[in-house]
Amino acid sequence: MAADNDTFAISTASWFIPIDVLKISCAVTAIILALFCLSIIVYERTCHTVPMILVTNSYLSQFIYAIDVLVISIFTLENDLKERQLNNHLCIFSGSLSYSITMIQMYSYLLQAVYRYLVIVYPSRLMWQSSRLQASFIGLTWCCGFVYFILLIVTDQIKYLPDDQICQMPLRLSFLTIFNALYIYIFPLSVIMIIYLKMILYVKEMGKRITPANILSRAQRELRMIHRIVSIVLFLVILGLPYVLFILMSFFNSAPKYHFRIAYIFIIVSLVFMMIALCQVAEPLKTFIKKVYRRRVAHIGPTIT
């Protein structure tokens, strides 16, 4: 890994600084939301369940990603304000971390979908639903993310891109670009969609058979949870479409000059919405927040009148 610390003067476009500030604001907001939700999960006993362990994993990966994005955005803002080109080891580190933590984040949603599937289709396989096994799966994804992070640094895949004032993997037609798309996005998303479709068919079959009402109700509830996971992931994919478009354009050397600046606007803004959307698959967390809100409204109401 090489980092060039030589500085060179550059011109800064008028829209750079406002966009940098917006990205920093979104990253800080996402960090605050993540800390808020994680603190509730630790404090509230009703959140100490196996499904919530998986949700906590998603929140933790997004929290680390938000911190990483904040570091990247501050680095970009500082260089834009000083109108300079400056590369350093922190830039390479944060750029590499963004890829590995994104992988962990996508696979955290996959683990949630797999767990919901196992609960309904294999209810008697209690070992598959145990906290120990789910924690092992979580640990495995983090180990894979760490190995990927090390490989990116050792192989010097992350480059400083002065136009975008960011350290990322240059967009071009290559094996690694295609591997990234398959490994980080396409594979986990495809498996989640397959699980969702299989769950729909399974629940429909349960409805046709003589199934106890409580079992059918639970299956339908878990199906709704998987539907919400799918919605979250698809929302993330939709906001990532500019990035995908620029990857495809780079295959023909036609990507715009500031493609990473543009793509990162959508990615960072999505962080805030993802923090809120995760509450939809965290029923104990959502219930606790609603309970606290109602208490505050009930307490403030008589005081106002």
Protein backbone atom coordinates (compact mmCIF):
# COMPACT_ATOMS: atom_id res chain seq x y z
CA MET A 1 0.00 0.00 0.00
CA ALA A 2 1.35 3.36 -1.01
CA ALA A 3 0.06 6.75 -0.01
CA ASP A 4 1.33 9.92 -1.62
CA ASN A 5 1.46 12.81 0.82
CA ASP A 6 2.54 15.42 -1.76
CA THR A 7 0.03 18.23 -2.21
CA PHE A 8 -1.04 19.85 -5.47
CA ALA A 9 -3.32 22.84 -5.93
CA ILE A 10 -6.63 22.23 -7.74
CA SER A 11 -9.74 24.23 -8.56
CA THR A 12 -12.92 23.55 -6.57
CA ALA A 13 -16.38 23.72 -8.15
CA SER A 14 -19.02 25.80 -6.37
CA TRP A 15 -21.22 22.77 -5.61
CA PHE A 16 -18.49 20.74 -3.91
CA ILE A 17 -18.65 22.36 -0.46
CA PRO A 18 -22.48 22.27 0.00
CA ILE A 19 -22.53 18.61 -1.04
CA ASP A 20 -19.66 17.82 1.36
CA VAL A 21 -21.55 19.51 4.21
CA LEU A 22 -24.72 17.59 3.30
CA LYS A 23 -22.81 14.29 3.38
CA ILE A 24 -21.27 15.10 6.76
CA SER A 25 -24.69 16.09 8.16
CA CYS A 26 -26.28 12.84 6.96
CA ALA A 27 -23.40 10.78 8.37
CA VAL A 28 -23.65 12.49 11.79
CA THR A 29 -27.44 12.00 11.81
CA ALA A 30 -27.02 8.31 10.98
CA ILE A 31 -24.46 7.89 13.77
CA ILE A 32 -26.81 9.51 16.31
CA LEU A 33 -29.73 7.33 15.22
CA ALA A 34 -27.59 4.19 15.39
CA LEU A 35 -26.34 5.03 18.88
CA PHE A 36 -29.90 5.77 20.00
CA CYS A 37 -31.21 2.43 18.72
CA LEU A 38 -28.23 0.41 19.95
CA SER A 39 -28.50 1.92 23.44
CA ILE A 40 -32.19 0.95 23.60
CA ILE A 41 -31.39 -2.59 22.47
CA VAL A 42 -28.79 -2.92 25.22
CA TYR A 43 -31.04 -1.37 27.87
CA GLU A 44 -34.44 -2.94 27.05
CA ARG A 45 -34.80 -6.60 28.06
CA THR A 46 -37.49 -7.31 25.47
CA CYS A 47 -34.83 -6.67 22.82
CA HIS A 48 -32.63 -9.48 24.11
CA THR A 49 -33.85 -12.11 21.65
CA VAL A 50 -32.25 -14.04 18.78
CA PRO A 51 -33.98 -11.99 16.02
CA MET A 52 -32.82 -8.81 17.74
CA ILE A 53 -29.23 -10.11 17.81
CA LEU A 54 -29.42 -10.18 14.01
CA VAL A 55 -30.99 -6.71 13.88
CA THR A 56 -28.28 -5.43 16.23
CA ASN A 57 -25.69 -6.79 13.83
CA SER A 58 -27.27 -4.73 11.02
CA TYR A 59 -27.33 -1.61 13.20
CA LEU A 60 -23.71 -2.13 14.24
CA SER A 61 -22.50 -2.56 10.65
CA GLN A 62 -24.41 0.57 9.59
CA PHE A 63 -23.01 2.46 12.58
CA ILE A 64 -19.43 1.60 11.58
CA TYR A 65 -20.22 2.43 7.96
CA ALA A 66 -21.63 5.81 9.01
CA ILE A 67 -18.42 6.58 10.95
CA ASP A 68 -16.35 5.54 7.94
CA VAL A 69 -18.44 7.72 5.63
CA LEU A 70 -18.03 10.63 8.04
CA VAL A 71 -14.23 10.25 7.91
CA ILE A 72 -14.33 10.07 4.11
CA SER A 73 -16.57 13.14 3.86
CA ILE A 74 -14.41 15.20 6.24
CA PHE A 75 -11.33 14.25 4.22
CA THR A 76 -13.10 15.36 1.02
CA LEU A 77 -14.31 18.63 2.58
CA GLU A 78 -10.87 19.49 3.94
CA ASN A 79 -9.22 18.96 0.56
CA ASP A 80 -11.97 20.90 -1.22
CA LEU A 81 -11.69 23.85 1.19
CA LYS A 82 -7.91 23.99 0.79
CA GLU A 83 -8.20 23.31 -2.96
CA ARG A 84 -5.52 20.64 -2.86
CA GLN A 85 -4.79 17.06 -3.83
CA LEU A 86 -3.63 15.14 -0.78
CA ASN A 87 -3.54 11.40 -0.28
CA ASN A 88 -2.77 9.68 3.03
CA HIS A 89 -2.99 6.29 4.72
CA LEU A 90 -6.27 7.17 6.47
CA CYS A 91 -7.89 7.75 3.07
CA ILE A 92 -6.77 4.31 1.85
CA PHE A 93 -7.90 2.72 5.13
CA SER A 94 -11.38 4.27 5.08
CA GLY A 95 -11.82 3.49 1.39
CA SER A 96 -11.01 -0.18 1.96
CA LEU A 97 -13.25 -0.32 5.02
CA SER A 98 -16.21 1.02 3.03
CA TYR A 99 -16.18 -2.05 0.78
CA SER A 100 -15.77 -4.62 3.55
CA ILE A 101 -18.38 -3.08 5.85
CA THR A 102 -20.87 -2.80 2.97
CA MET A 103 -20.42 -6.52 2.43
CA ILE A 104 -21.08 -7.19 6.13
CA GLN A 105 -24.14 -4.95 6.00
CA MET A 106 -25.68 -6.78 3.01
CA TYR A 107 -25.03 -10.18 4.54
CA SER A 108 -26.57 -9.04 7.84
CA TYR A 109 -29.90 -8.69 6.00
CA LEU A 110 -29.36 -12.11 4.46
CA LEU A 111 -28.86 -13.64 7.92
CA GLN A 112 -32.13 -12.06 9.08
CA ALA A 113 -34.01 -13.52 6.11
CA VAL A 114 -32.46 -16.97 6.60
CA TYR A 115 -33.41 -16.99 10.28
CA ARG A 116 -37.04 -16.07 9.55
CA TYR A 117 -37.15 -18.85 6.95
CA LEU A 118 -35.75 -21.45 9.37
CA VAL A 119 -38.22 -20.49 12.11
CA ILE A 120 -41.21 -21.23 9.86
CA VAL A 121 -40.04 -24.03 7.58
CA TYR A 122 -38.00 -25.94 10.18
CA PRO A 123 -39.59 -25.05 13.54
CA SER A 124 -38.39 -28.25 15.21
CA ARG A 125 -34.72 -27.63 14.35
CA LEU A 126 -34.11 -25.57 17.47
CA MET A 127 -30.35 -25.73 17.11
CA TRP A 128 -30.61 -23.82 13.81
CA GLN A 129 -32.47 -21.06 15.64
CA SER A 130 -30.13 -20.91 18.64
CA SER A 131 -28.35 -17.71 19.59
CA ARG A 132 -25.02 -19.53 19.53
CA LEU A 133 -25.38 -20.63 15.90
CA GLN A 134 -26.65 -17.23 14.77
CA ALA A 135 -23.77 -15.55 16.58
CA SER A 136 -21.40 -17.92 14.75
CA PHE A 137 -22.88 -16.88 11.41
CA ILE A 138 -22.48 -13.23 12.38
CA GLY A 139 -18.87 -13.84 13.38
CA LEU A 140 -18.24 -15.61 10.07
CA THR A 141 -19.48 -12.64 8.04
CA TRP A 142 -17.29 -10.25 10.05
CA CYS A 143 -14.28 -12.53 9.52
CA CYS A 144 -14.97 -12.57 5.77
CA GLY A 145 -15.27 -8.78 5.82
CA PHE A 146 -11.97 -8.45 7.67
CA VAL A 147 -10.19 -10.78 5.21
CA TYR A 148 -11.63 -8.81 2.29
CA PHE A 149 -10.45 -5.57 3.91
CA ILE A 150 -6.91 -6.93 4.29
CA LEU A 151 -6.86 -8.20 0.70
CA LEU A 152 -7.88 -4.78 -0.64
CA ILE A 153 -5.05 -3.10 1.24
CA VAL A 154 -2.37 -5.71 0.54
CA THR A 155 -3.16 -5.85 -3.18
CA ASP A 156 -3.27 -2.03 -3.40
CA GLN A 157 -6.70 -2.00 -5.06
CA ILE A 158 -7.86 1.26 -3.45
CA LYS A 159 -6.57 4.34 -5.25
CA TYR A 160 -6.74 8.04 -4.50
CA LEU A 161 -8.98 9.75 -7.07
CA PRO A 162 -8.18 13.49 -7.03
CA ASP A 163 -11.25 14.61 -9.02
CA ASP A 164 -13.56 13.05 -6.44
CA GLN A 165 -11.23 13.60 -3.45
CA ILE A 166 -11.84 10.04 -2.33
CA CYS A 167 -10.04 6.72 -2.12
CA GLN A 168 -11.96 3.99 -3.91
CA MET A 169 -11.50 1.20 -6.40
CA PRO A 170 -11.32 2.84 -9.86
CA LEU A 171 -14.33 2.00 -12.00
CA ARG A 172 -13.32 -0.04 -15.03
CA LEU A 173 -14.10 -3.33 -16.69
CA SER A 174 -12.13 -5.83 -14.63
CA PHE A 175 -12.50 -9.11 -12.78
CA LEU A 176 -12.44 -7.35 -9.40
CA THR A 177 -15.21 -4.90 -10.38
CA ILE A 178 -17.47 -7.77 -11.43
CA PHE A 179 -16.48 -9.83 -8.38
CA ASN A 180 -17.38 -6.91 -6.08
CA ALA A 181 -20.82 -6.61 -7.64
CA LEU A 182 -21.45 -10.35 -7.31
CA TYR A 183 -19.94 -10.82 -3.86
CA ILE A 184 -21.25 -7.70 -2.13
CA TYR A 185 -24.61 -7.09 -3.78
CA ILE A 186 -25.95 -9.63 -6.28
CA PHE A 187 -25.43 -12.87 -4.31
CA PRO A 188 -26.99 -11.78 -0.96
CA LEU A 189 -29.80 -9.92 -2.73
CA SER A 190 -30.58 -12.94 -4.94
CA VAL A 191 -30.68 -15.33 -1.96
CA ILE A 192 -32.95 -12.94 -0.02
CA MET A 193 -35.34 -12.77 -2.97
CA ILE A 194 -35.34 -16.58 -3.34
CA ILE A 195 -36.11 -16.97 0.37
CA TYR A 196 -38.91 -14.43 0.09
CA LEU A 197 -40.51 -16.19 -2.88
CA LYS A 198 -40.20 -19.61 -1.20
CA MET A 199 -41.78 -18.22 1.95
CA ILE A 200 -44.73 -16.83 -0.04
CA LEU A 201 -45.34 -20.23 -1.61
CA TYR A 202 -44.89 -22.02 1.72
CA VAL A 203 -47.37 -19.80 3.57
CA LYS A 204 -49.90 -20.18 0.74
CA GLU A 205 -49.59 -23.96 1.03
CA MET A 206 -50.10 -23.70 4.80
CA GLY A 207 -53.30 -21.75 4.16
CA LYS A 208 -54.61 -24.54 1.93
CA ARG A 209 -53.86 -27.24 4.50
CA ILE A 210 -55.47 -27.69 7.91
CA THR A 211 -53.01 -25.63 9.94
CA PRO A 212 -53.51 -24.40 13.52
CA ALA A 213 -54.39 -20.71 13.55
CA ASN A 214 -51.47 -19.75 15.78
CA ILE A 215 -48.92 -21.47 13.53
CA LEU A 216 -50.38 -19.88 10.38
CA SER A 217 -50.47 -16.48 12.09
CA ARG A 218 -46.83 -16.80 13.09
CA ALA A 219 -45.83 -17.82 9.55
CA GLN A 220 -47.65 -14.82 8.13
CA ARG A 221 -45.92 -12.56 10.66
CA GLU A 222 -42.50 -13.89 9.70
CA LEU A 223 -43.39 -13.48 6.03
CA ARG A 224 -44.21 -9.82 6.69
CA MET A 225 -40.82 -9.43 8.35
CA ILE A 226 -39.04 -10.91 5.33
CA HIS A 227 -41.10 -8.61 3.11
CA ARG A 228 -39.80 -5.65 5.13
CA ILE A 229 -36.22 -6.91 4.83
CA VAL A 230 -36.69 -7.17 1.06
CA SER A 231 -38.11 -3.64 0.97
CA ILE A 232 -35.11 -2.29 2.91
CA VAL A 233 -32.61 -4.00 0.63
CA LEU A 234 -34.46 -2.93 -2.54
CA PHE A 235 -34.56 0.64 -1.23
CA LEU A 236 -30.81 0.47 -0.72
CA VAL A 237 -30.36 -0.91 -4.24
CA ILE A 238 -32.55 1.81 -5.77
CA LEU A 239 -30.52 4.58 -4.13
CA GLY A 240 -27.39 2.77 -5.31
CA LEU A 241 -28.54 2.79 -8.95
CA PRO A 242 -26.42 5.85 -9.88
CA TYR A 243 -23.36 3.96 -8.65
CA VAL A 244 -24.35 0.90 -10.71
CA LEU A 245 -24.98 3.11 -13.74
CA PHE A 246 -21.53 4.67 -13.43
CA ILE A 247 -19.96 1.21 -13.19
CA LEU A 248 -21.65 0.20 -16.44
CA MET A 249 -20.66 3.49 -18.09
CA SER A 250 -17.05 2.97 -16.97
CA PHE A 251 -16.93 -0.24 -19.02
CA PHE A 252 -17.18 2.02 -22.07
CA ASN A 253 -15.01 4.84 -20.63
CA SER A 254 -18.02 7.17 -20.50
CA ALA A 255 -18.54 7.69 -16.76
CA PRO A 256 -18.84 11.40 -15.80
CA LYS A 257 -15.86 13.13 -14.27
CA TYR A 258 -17.23 13.40 -10.72
CA HIS A 259 -19.06 10.06 -10.63
CA PHE A 260 -18.06 9.13 -7.06
CA ARG A 261 -19.12 12.52 -5.70
CA ILE A 262 -22.55 12.09 -7.30
CA ALA A 263 -22.97 8.42 -6.33
CA TYR A 264 -21.98 9.02 -2.70
CA ILE A 265 -24.71 11.63 -2.27
CA PHE A 266 -27.37 8.93 -2.74
CA ILE A 267 -25.47 6.33 -0.70
CA ILE A 268 -24.95 8.58 2.32
CA VAL A 269 -28.50 9.98 2.28
CA SER A 270 -29.77 6.38 2.24
CA LEU A 271 -27.95 5.73 5.54
CA VAL A 272 -30.37 7.92 7.49
CA PHE A 273 -33.42 6.23 5.98
CA MET A 274 -31.91 2.77 6.53
CA MET A 275 -31.48 3.46 10.26
CA ILE A 276 -35.17 4.34 10.52
CA ALA A 277 -36.35 1.53 8.23
CA LEU A 278 -34.58 -1.11 10.34
CA CYS A 279 -37.10 -0.43 13.11
CA GLN A 280 -39.68 -2.10 10.88
CA VAL A 281 -37.99 -5.48 11.41
CA ALA A 282 -37.24 -4.81 15.08
CA GLU A 283 -40.66 -5.10 16.72
CA PRO A 284 -39.42 -4.89 20.36
CA LEU A 285 -37.43 -1.76 19.52
CA LYS A 286 -40.36 -0.15 17.72
CA THR A 287 -42.73 -1.08 20.55
CA PHE A 288 -40.40 0.42 23.17
CA ILE A 289 -40.03 3.69 21.23
CA LYS A 290 -43.82 3.96 20.82
CA LYS A 291 -44.34 3.24 24.52
CA VAL A 292 -41.89 5.95 25.58
CA TYR A 293 -43.42 8.42 23.11
CA ARG A 294 -46.94 7.78 24.41
CA ARG A 295 -45.80 8.23 28.00
CA ARG A 296 -44.22 11.57 27.15
CA VAL A 297 -47.34 12.73 25.30
CA ALA A 298 -49.54 11.62 28.20
CA HIS A 299 -47.27 13.40 30.68
CA ILE A 300 -47.03 16.63 28.68
CA GLY A 301 -50.71 16.74 27.70
CA PRO A 302 -52.23 17.56 31.14
CA THR A 303 -49.46 20.09 31.78
CA ILE A 304 -50.34 22.03 28.63
CA THR A 305 -54.06 22.07 29.40
